[in-house]
Amino acid sequence: KQADRSRSAKLTAKATNVNYVTARSSCLPPMVKLEFVKGGKSIQEQIRDILNEHRVKLIDLFREWDDDGNGALDKKEMRAAIAALGYEAPKKQIDLFFETIDDDNNGWIEFAELKAALSDKGVKEAQQAAIREAKRKARAKSRADSSGVMDGDVAGAGEEDFDAGMRQNAADRDAADVDNDGKLDFAEFCVFVREREEGEFTDEQLRERFDALDEDMSGKVDMHEYLIWSLKDALARSSDRVVDLFRAWDEDGSGTVDKKEFYKAVRALGFDIEQSESDEVFNSLDDDKSGSLEYKELNVMLRKGVGSDLTKKNLKRAPKQADRSR
């Protein structure tokens, strides 16, 4: 009997086809390899060219990569597929490729998303985005003043990329909010922590953490409270400093981050929130109530409080479960 390959939100004939996995065979010649050259062609562009050169149908390649036959690719399957093509790149870069083409940020690559990403239009847009990002980093580097970096602004654990950590936090929260009220009660919070972090936690330990996050003592962790914690959590887990975040968010190079820039940054990090919710978080970080965030002010606000202290207790995420249901 085959393992259950269903995802609760979607059942397909392919997902329940008992012959699907055993019937597959490699659709690319064994000599086909991806090349990792810094500044060279991207993964996206190379795969597009390989498909065209060898006249391989994308659907066949997708089915080959979809190891469990559930109709979508997760990060593990993507990493295995890229590694099988001899692409010796850091895991972080492959995950970034995955996240770039995961348009709906649900942690799965559907066939339609892969098709759009590998189309000529998709490859061109990715190339343009890479150019813009390179220019942004160059501008940030040119503006950087090492003497202006605060002594306490040090890199975190380096477990994961800050942007990826924030998107994961957003997805974890959405999954834990079973009643869809936009908040986490204590029961939802317990499930949230136990599924995302390694180790065992007593109810007393979780209650302590919950009460620390529930600043207004409402009995629930709302979006405002969760987002502030999430910023501190992702920062503590990443190798980024506050100055790195500040330079990325300060799009106009004014030396401050305004509410519009902050809202745009939060949305880009996977949090589908309203402007009013973003403004509430902004106001909490704006300690001097000037209407804009300065680097030193942001560093102080993101380095203090329960978020950074609690995440230092356990920065390692629990391994992904085998269950791929949604």
Protein backbone atom coordinates (compact mmCIF):
# COMPACT_ATOMS: atom_id res chain seq x y z
CA LYS A 1 0.00 0.00 0.00
CA GLN A 2 1.33 3.39 -0.98
CA ALA A 3 1.84 6.10 1.62
CA ASP A 4 -0.85 8.76 1.72
CA ARG A 5 0.29 11.45 -0.71
CA SER A 6 -2.67 13.76 -0.29
CA ARG A 7 -2.68 17.36 0.82
CA SER A 8 -5.91 18.23 2.53
CA ALA A 9 -6.49 21.30 0.40
CA LYS A 10 -6.05 19.55 -2.90
CA LEU A 11 -6.46 16.02 -4.24
CA THR A 12 -5.42 15.13 -7.75
CA ALA A 13 -5.50 11.96 -9.78
CA LYS A 14 -1.74 12.06 -9.89
CA ALA A 15 -1.46 12.26 -6.12
CA THR A 16 -3.44 9.03 -5.69
CA ASN A 17 -1.98 7.13 -8.64
CA VAL A 18 -0.24 4.10 -7.15
CA ASN A 19 1.90 3.66 -10.28
CA TYR A 20 3.05 7.28 -10.43
CA VAL A 21 6.31 7.09 -8.49
CA THR A 22 7.52 3.78 -9.87
CA ALA A 23 6.65 4.73 -13.44
CA ARG A 24 8.88 7.79 -13.57
CA SER A 25 12.25 7.83 -15.26
CA SER A 26 14.83 10.55 -15.71
CA CYS A 27 13.80 12.94 -18.47
CA LEU A 28 17.22 14.63 -18.77
CA PRO A 29 20.44 13.02 -20.04
CA PRO A 30 22.86 12.15 -17.20
CA MET A 31 25.51 14.53 -18.55
CA VAL A 32 23.28 17.58 -18.08
CA LYS A 33 24.62 19.72 -15.25
CA LEU A 34 23.97 23.14 -13.78
CA GLU A 35 27.01 25.32 -13.26
CA PHE A 36 27.56 27.49 -10.21
CA VAL A 37 29.60 30.48 -11.34
CA LYS A 38 29.43 33.65 -9.28
CA GLY A 39 27.96 36.33 -11.51
CA GLY A 40 27.04 33.75 -14.16
CA LYS A 41 23.65 32.47 -15.29
CA SER A 42 21.06 31.95 -12.57
CA ILE A 43 19.47 28.57 -11.76
CA GLN A 44 16.29 29.80 -13.43
CA GLU A 45 17.99 30.75 -16.68
CA GLN A 46 20.05 27.56 -16.87
CA ILE A 47 17.04 25.29 -16.36
CA ARG A 48 15.10 27.19 -19.03
CA ASP A 49 17.99 26.78 -21.49
CA ILE A 50 18.38 23.07 -20.67
CA LEU A 51 14.71 22.39 -21.33
CA ASN A 52 14.91 24.17 -24.67
CA GLU A 53 18.16 22.49 -25.71
CA HIS A 54 17.03 18.95 -24.92
CA ARG A 55 13.39 19.43 -25.94
CA VAL A 56 12.16 18.29 -22.55
CA LYS A 57 8.64 19.09 -21.44
CA LEU A 58 8.50 21.02 -18.20
CA ILE A 59 5.64 18.87 -16.88
CA ASP A 60 7.87 15.79 -17.19
CA LEU A 61 10.67 17.48 -15.25
CA PHE A 62 8.18 18.65 -12.62
CA ARG A 63 6.87 15.13 -12.15
CA GLU A 64 10.41 13.81 -11.80
CA TRP A 65 11.21 16.37 -9.11
CA ASP A 66 7.91 15.81 -7.28
CA ASP A 67 9.34 12.90 -5.33
CA ASP A 68 6.26 12.14 -3.24
CA GLY A 69 3.82 12.71 -6.10
CA ASN A 70 1.64 15.16 -4.18
CA GLY A 71 1.41 17.70 -7.01
CA ALA A 72 3.79 20.31 -5.57
CA LEU A 73 7.46 20.74 -4.68
CA ASP A 74 8.69 21.56 -1.20
CA LYS A 75 12.13 22.92 -0.36
CA LYS A 76 13.56 19.48 0.32
CA GLU A 77 12.50 18.22 -3.11
CA MET A 78 13.85 21.35 -4.78
CA ARG A 79 17.21 21.03 -3.06
CA ALA A 80 17.45 17.35 -4.06
CA ALA A 81 16.51 18.15 -7.66
CA ILE A 82 19.07 20.94 -7.99
CA ALA A 83 21.77 18.87 -6.26
CA ALA A 84 21.10 15.99 -8.66
CA LEU A 85 22.00 18.34 -11.48
CA GLY A 86 25.42 18.90 -9.95
CA TYR A 87 24.75 22.45 -8.78
CA GLU A 88 27.20 22.97 -5.93
CA ALA A 89 25.75 26.13 -4.43
CA PRO A 90 25.01 27.07 -0.82
CA LYS A 91 21.70 25.80 0.54
CA LYS A 92 20.76 29.42 1.20
CA GLN A 93 20.97 30.26 -2.52
CA ILE A 94 18.77 27.31 -3.55
CA ASP A 95 16.22 28.23 -0.90
CA LEU A 96 16.23 31.80 -2.18
CA PHE A 97 15.49 30.49 -5.69
CA PHE A 98 12.59 28.49 -4.22
CA GLU A 99 11.19 31.48 -2.34
CA THR A 100 11.52 33.72 -5.39
CA ILE A 101 9.22 31.54 -7.49
CA ASP A 102 6.84 30.65 -4.64
CA ASP A 103 4.49 33.49 -5.57
CA ASP A 104 1.81 32.78 -2.98
CA ASN A 105 4.37 32.15 -0.19
CA ASN A 106 2.67 28.92 0.90
CA GLY A 107 5.87 26.87 1.03
CA TRP A 108 5.00 24.84 -2.09
CA ILE A 109 5.87 25.26 -5.76
CA GLU A 110 2.90 24.37 -7.92
CA PHE A 111 3.41 23.53 -11.60
CA ALA A 112 1.91 26.85 -12.70
CA GLU A 113 4.42 28.75 -10.56
CA LEU A 114 7.38 26.82 -11.99
CA LYS A 115 6.07 27.29 -15.52
CA ALA A 116 5.76 31.05 -15.05
CA ALA A 117 9.23 31.30 -13.48
CA LEU A 118 10.92 29.38 -16.32
CA SER A 119 9.13 31.24 -19.11
CA ASP A 120 11.10 33.81 -21.09
CA LYS A 121 9.19 36.54 -19.30
CA GLY A 122 9.85 35.00 -15.90
CA VAL A 123 13.58 34.62 -16.57
CA LYS A 124 13.81 38.21 -17.82
CA GLU A 125 12.03 39.55 -14.74
CA ALA A 126 14.37 37.54 -12.50
CA GLN A 127 17.40 38.95 -14.32
CA GLN A 128 16.10 42.50 -13.89
CA ALA A 129 15.38 41.86 -10.21
CA ALA A 130 18.93 40.54 -9.72
CA ILE A 131 20.35 43.67 -11.34
CA ARG A 132 18.24 45.91 -9.11
CA GLU A 133 19.30 43.97 -6.01
CA ALA A 134 22.97 44.20 -6.97
CA LYS A 135 22.63 47.96 -7.44
CA ARG A 136 20.80 48.27 -4.10
CA LYS A 137 23.56 46.39 -2.30
CA ALA A 138 26.21 48.51 -4.01
CA ARG A 139 24.45 51.71 -2.91
CA ALA A 140 24.10 50.40 0.62
CA LYS A 141 27.76 49.46 0.73
CA SER A 142 28.82 52.86 -0.57
CA ARG A 143 26.73 54.56 2.12
CA ALA A 144 28.01 52.29 4.85
CA ASP A 145 30.00 53.99 7.56
CA SER A 146 31.56 51.41 9.82
CA SER A 147 32.16 54.04 12.50
CA GLY A 148 28.39 54.57 12.70
CA VAL A 149 27.57 50.95 13.59
CA MET A 150 26.67 50.65 17.24
CA ASP A 151 28.83 48.41 19.41
CA GLY A 152 25.85 46.26 20.42
CA ASP A 153 24.70 45.73 16.84
CA VAL A 154 26.17 42.27 16.26
CA ALA A 155 25.13 39.41 14.01
CA GLY A 156 22.81 36.75 15.37
CA ALA A 157 23.11 32.97 15.39
CA GLY A 158 23.23 32.65 11.61
CA GLU A 159 20.73 29.79 11.58
CA GLU A 160 18.82 31.25 8.63
CA ASP A 161 18.43 34.30 6.42
CA PHE A 162 16.46 37.14 8.04
CA ASP A 163 13.97 37.46 5.18
CA ALA A 164 13.41 33.68 5.09
CA GLY A 165 12.98 33.62 8.86
CA MET A 166 10.34 36.35 8.74
CA ARG A 167 8.41 34.58 5.98
CA GLN A 168 8.58 31.35 7.98
CA ASN A 169 7.33 33.15 11.08
CA ALA A 170 4.40 34.53 9.11
CA ALA A 171 3.54 31.08 7.75
CA ASP A 172 3.88 29.46 11.19
CA ARG A 173 1.53 32.01 12.72
CA ASP A 174 -1.08 31.54 10.00
CA ALA A 175 -0.95 27.78 10.50
CA ALA A 176 -1.32 28.06 14.28
CA ASP A 177 -4.26 30.47 14.12
CA VAL A 178 -6.83 27.69 13.73
CA ASP A 179 -9.85 29.87 14.49
CA ASN A 180 -8.67 32.55 12.03
CA ASP A 181 -9.29 35.43 14.41
CA GLY A 182 -5.90 37.00 13.64
CA LYS A 183 -4.61 36.26 17.15
CA LEU A 184 -3.01 33.38 19.05
CA ASP A 185 -4.61 32.18 22.28
CA PHE A 186 -2.60 30.09 24.75
CA ALA A 187 -3.60 26.73 23.27
CA GLU A 188 -2.67 27.88 19.75
CA PHE A 189 0.59 29.34 21.08
CA CYS A 190 1.55 26.01 22.69
CA VAL A 191 1.06 24.17 19.40
CA PHE A 192 2.94 26.96 17.59
CA VAL A 193 6.06 26.68 19.80
CA ARG A 194 6.15 22.89 20.02
CA GLU A 195 5.92 22.46 16.26
CA ARG A 196 8.51 25.08 15.34
CA GLU A 197 11.25 24.61 17.94
CA GLU A 198 13.36 21.68 19.05
CA GLY A 199 13.17 20.38 22.61
CA GLU A 200 10.48 19.72 25.19
CA PHE A 201 8.50 22.50 26.86
CA THR A 202 6.32 22.33 29.96
CA ASP A 203 3.04 24.21 30.10
CA GLU A 204 4.55 26.44 32.78
CA GLN A 205 7.44 27.42 30.50
CA LEU A 206 5.08 28.12 27.65
CA ARG A 207 2.78 30.16 29.90
CA GLU A 208 5.74 32.31 30.94
CA ARG A 209 6.63 32.96 27.32
CA PHE A 210 3.03 33.59 26.34
CA ASP A 211 2.46 36.11 29.14
CA ALA A 212 5.68 37.91 28.20
CA LEU A 213 4.48 38.32 24.60
CA ASP A 214 0.92 39.23 25.58
CA GLU A 215 1.92 42.73 26.65
CA ASP A 216 -1.62 44.09 26.96
CA MET A 217 -2.67 41.02 29.00
CA SER A 218 -5.65 40.44 26.72
CA GLY A 219 -5.23 36.67 26.84
CA LYS A 220 -4.19 36.58 23.18
CA VAL A 221 -1.09 37.53 21.18
CA ASP A 222 -2.32 39.92 18.50
CA MET A 223 -0.62 40.87 15.24
CA HIS A 224 1.07 43.92 16.72
CA GLU A 225 2.64 41.87 19.52
CA TYR A 226 3.52 38.98 17.22
CA LEU A 227 5.16 41.12 14.55
CA ILE A 228 7.44 42.89 17.01
CA TRP A 229 8.43 39.53 18.47
CA SER A 230 8.93 38.10 14.98
CA LEU A 231 11.32 40.90 14.00
CA LYS A 232 13.42 40.20 17.09
CA ASP A 233 13.24 36.43 16.60
CA ALA A 234 14.31 36.54 12.94
CA LEU A 235 17.10 38.99 13.77
CA ALA A 236 18.42 36.74 16.54
CA ARG A 237 18.38 33.70 14.24
CA SER A 238 20.04 35.41 11.26
CA SER A 239 23.56 36.64 10.54
CA ASP A 240 22.20 40.13 9.79
CA ARG A 241 22.62 43.18 11.98
CA VAL A 242 20.05 45.92 12.54
CA VAL A 243 22.14 48.23 10.36
CA ASP A 244 21.72 45.77 7.47
CA LEU A 245 17.94 45.81 7.85
CA PHE A 246 17.90 49.58 8.21
CA ARG A 247 19.85 50.15 5.00
CA ALA A 248 17.53 47.81 3.09
CA TRP A 249 14.39 49.50 4.44
CA ASP A 250 15.67 53.06 3.89
CA GLU A 251 14.88 52.98 0.18
CA ASP A 252 15.30 56.71 -0.48
CA GLY A 253 18.63 56.87 1.39
CA SER A 254 17.33 59.62 3.67
CA GLY A 255 18.91 58.18 6.78
CA THR A 256 15.52 57.39 8.33
CA VAL A 257 12.73 54.89 7.71
CA ASP A 258 9.22 56.32 7.43
CA LYS A 259 5.89 54.54 7.85
CA LYS A 260 5.50 53.91 4.13
CA GLU A 261 8.93 52.29 3.84
CA PHE A 262 8.33 50.21 6.97
CA TYR A 263 4.95 48.98 5.73
CA LYS A 264 6.44 48.03 2.36
CA ALA A 265 9.27 46.12 4.08
CA VAL A 266 6.89 44.21 6.37
CA ARG A 267 4.65 43.21 3.48
CA ALA A 268 7.67 42.04 1.49
CA LEU A 269 8.62 39.82 4.46
CA GLY A 270 5.43 37.79 4.12
CA PHE A 271 3.11 39.55 6.58
CA ASP A 272 -0.20 40.24 4.87
CA ILE A 273 -1.28 43.05 7.17
CA GLU A 274 -3.13 46.35 6.84
CA GLN A 275 -1.40 49.73 6.95
CA SER A 276 -3.01 50.45 10.33
CA GLU A 277 -1.47 47.30 11.85
CA SER A 278 1.93 48.16 10.44
CA ASP A 279 1.63 51.71 11.78
CA GLU A 280 0.88 50.36 15.25
CA VAL A 281 4.13 48.39 15.22
CA PHE A 282 5.99 51.37 13.74
CA ASN A 283 4.73 53.61 16.55
CA SER A 284 5.96 51.11 19.14
CA LEU A 285 9.44 51.18 17.61
CA ASP A 286 9.41 54.97 17.18
CA ASP A 287 10.58 55.63 20.73
CA ASP A 288 11.01 59.39 20.35
CA LYS A 289 7.67 59.72 18.49
CA SER A 290 9.32 61.66 15.68
CA GLY A 291 7.35 59.91 12.93
CA SER A 292 10.46 58.25 11.53
CA LEU A 293 12.87 55.53 12.62
CA GLU A 294 16.57 56.22 12.95
CA TYR A 295 19.16 53.45 12.95
CA LYS A 296 20.24 53.86 16.56
CA GLU A 297 16.63 54.03 17.70
CA LEU A 298 15.69 50.88 15.76
CA ASN A 299 18.71 49.03 17.11
CA VAL A 300 17.78 49.83 20.70
CA MET A 301 14.14 48.85 20.23
CA LEU A 302 14.89 45.54 18.46
CA ARG A 303 17.58 44.56 20.95
CA LYS A 304 15.51 44.92 24.09
CA GLY A 305 12.46 43.19 25.50
CA VAL A 306 11.09 39.69 25.62
CA GLY A 307 11.50 38.79 21.97
CA SER A 308 15.27 38.77 21.82
CA ASP A 309 15.64 37.26 25.29
CA LEU A 310 13.24 34.37 24.68
CA THR A 311 14.61 33.39 21.30
CA LYS A 312 18.11 33.10 22.74
CA LYS A 313 16.82 30.17 24.78
CA ASN A 314 16.18 28.08 21.68
CA LEU A 315 17.20 29.34 18.27
CA LYS A 316 17.10 26.03 16.45
CA ARG A 317 13.94 25.22 14.54
CA ALA A 318 12.50 21.74 14.73
CA PRO A 319 13.04 19.61 11.61
CA LYS A 320 10.20 19.54 9.12
CA GLN A 321 7.67 16.81 9.63
CA ALA A 322 7.18 14.11 6.98
CA ASP A 323 3.46 14.96 6.76
CA ARG A 324 3.06 17.25 3.78
CA SER A 325 -0.63 17.96 4.19
CA ARG A 326 -1.95 21.51 4.01
